[in-house]
Amino acid sequence: MNAIETGKALTGNRLSDGEVVFLTRSGAWSVSIDEAVIALEPQSEAALERRGEQAVAHNVVTEAYLIGVERSQGRVRALHIRERIRATGPSVRLDLGKQSQGTGGGFAPQS
């Protein structure tokens, strides 16, 4: 049985190109939610928020904030539909955005 971790991830939009990005364990920003570092307790959430404030101050991302996520079987999924759409791209056409690249999360076409 696979354990499900529930916590918070830090997201924002990269200033250079507007892409939705997630803070990784290494401190880099990735377009893949699966690479996001997940805070499992309030102290870790506060540390992520500080990292987000620094990234905003240094013009790396805009409007960094925490989102609820769960990790299961190595995949990370946003808990709210708005954040799932941000992470995976448009939900109306699967031939656009991240879905067309096979990285569309819950909205990807089934094989």
Protein backbone atom coordinates (compact mmCIF):
# COMPACT_ATOMS: atom_id res chain seq x y z
CA MET A 1 0.00 0.00 0.00
CA ASN A 2 1.38 3.40 -0.93
CA ALA A 3 1.38 6.16 1.66
CA ILE A 4 -0.05 9.53 0.70
CA GLU A 5 1.80 12.59 1.99
CA THR A 6 -0.28 15.73 2.32
CA GLY A 7 1.35 19.12 2.77
CA LYS A 8 2.06 22.44 1.12
CA ALA A 9 4.15 23.38 -1.93
CA LEU A 10 5.31 26.84 -2.98
CA THR A 11 4.21 28.09 -6.38
CA GLY A 12 4.40 31.28 -8.37
CA ASN A 13 4.82 32.52 -11.91
CA ARG A 14 8.34 32.89 -13.30
CA LEU A 15 8.90 36.53 -14.20
CA SER A 16 11.01 35.79 -17.29
CA ASP A 17 8.28 33.90 -19.18
CA GLY A 18 5.14 33.70 -17.03
CA GLU A 19 5.32 29.90 -16.58
CA VAL A 20 3.78 28.39 -13.46
CA VAL A 21 6.68 27.11 -11.34
CA PHE A 22 7.20 25.22 -8.08
CA LEU A 23 10.08 25.48 -5.62
CA THR A 24 12.21 22.33 -5.52
CA ARG A 25 14.28 20.82 -2.71
CA SER A 26 17.45 22.24 -4.32
CA GLY A 27 16.00 25.76 -4.26
CA ALA A 28 15.47 25.93 -8.02
CA TRP A 29 12.10 26.60 -9.63
CA SER A 30 10.61 23.84 -11.82
CA VAL A 31 7.64 23.77 -14.19
CA SER A 32 6.92 20.23 -12.92
CA ILE A 33 4.79 19.96 -9.79
CA ASP A 34 6.28 16.48 -9.26
CA GLU A 35 9.61 18.15 -8.40
CA ALA A 36 8.10 20.43 -5.74
CA VAL A 37 9.40 20.26 -2.20
CA ILE A 38 6.53 19.55 0.19
CA ALA A 39 6.28 21.10 3.65
CA LEU A 40 4.69 18.65 6.06
CA GLU A 41 4.60 20.82 9.20
CA PRO A 42 3.96 24.50 10.03
CA GLN A 43 7.66 25.34 10.53
CA SER A 44 8.48 24.04 7.06
CA GLU A 45 5.56 25.99 5.60
CA ALA A 46 6.91 29.19 7.18
CA ALA A 47 10.36 28.48 5.73
CA LEU A 48 8.86 27.99 2.26
CA GLU A 49 6.92 31.25 2.59
CA ARG A 50 10.17 33.08 3.43
CA ARG A 51 11.82 31.54 0.34
CA GLY A 52 8.88 32.77 -1.72
CA GLU A 53 9.18 36.30 -0.32
CA GLN A 54 12.90 36.31 -1.22
CA ALA A 55 12.19 35.09 -4.75
CA VAL A 56 9.58 37.82 -5.23
CA ALA A 57 11.98 40.45 -3.85
CA HIS A 58 14.69 39.28 -6.30
CA ASN A 59 12.25 39.32 -9.26
CA VAL A 60 12.50 35.59 -9.88
CA VAL A 61 8.78 34.88 -9.47
CA THR A 62 5.66 36.90 -8.90
CA GLU A 63 3.08 36.29 -6.18
CA ALA A 64 4.59 33.20 -4.57
CA TYR A 65 2.16 31.35 -2.31
CA LEU A 66 1.57 27.95 -0.71
CA ILE A 67 -0.85 25.42 -2.14
CA GLY A 68 -2.19 22.19 -0.70
CA VAL A 69 -0.75 19.10 -2.38
CA GLU A 70 -0.55 15.37 -1.94
CA ARG A 71 2.22 13.00 -3.04
CA SER A 72 1.40 9.41 -3.91
CA GLN A 73 3.47 6.91 -5.91
CA GLY A 74 6.05 9.61 -6.69
CA ARG A 75 3.48 11.97 -8.24
CA VAL A 76 2.35 15.28 -6.75
CA ARG A 77 -1.20 16.52 -7.21
CA ALA A 78 -2.65 19.87 -6.20
CA LEU A 79 -5.66 19.51 -3.92
CA HIS A 80 -7.73 22.32 -5.45
CA ILE A 81 -8.94 22.32 -9.05
CA ARG A 82 -7.65 25.86 -9.71
CA GLU A 83 -4.12 24.78 -8.81
CA ARG A 84 -4.42 21.56 -10.82
CA ILE A 85 -5.32 23.62 -13.87
CA ARG A 86 -2.39 25.99 -13.21
CA ALA A 87 -0.04 22.99 -12.87
CA THR A 88 -1.28 21.10 -15.91
CA GLY A 89 -2.37 23.73 -18.39
CA PRO A 90 -5.66 24.29 -20.22
CA SER A 91 -8.45 21.84 -19.46
CA VAL A 92 -10.46 22.34 -22.64
CA ARG A 93 -8.03 20.99 -25.26
CA LEU A 94 -5.67 18.17 -24.47
CA ASP A 95 -3.52 18.96 -27.52
CA LEU A 96 -2.32 22.20 -25.88
CA GLY A 97 -0.06 22.97 -22.94
CA LYS A 98 1.49 20.35 -20.73
CA GLN A 99 -1.09 17.72 -21.68
CA SER A 100 0.27 17.62 -25.23
CA GLN A 101 3.71 16.87 -23.77
CA GLY A 102 2.40 13.98 -21.67
CA THR A 103 2.85 15.88 -18.40
CA GLY A 104 -0.74 16.95 -17.86
CA GLY A 105 -1.41 15.28 -14.53
CA GLY A 106 -5.09 14.57 -13.95
CA PHE A 107 -6.12 16.12 -17.27
CA ALA A 108 -3.80 14.09 -19.51
CA PRO A 109 -5.38 11.87 -22.16
CA GLN A 110 -5.62 8.24 -21.10
CA SER A 111 -3.49 5.73 -23.00
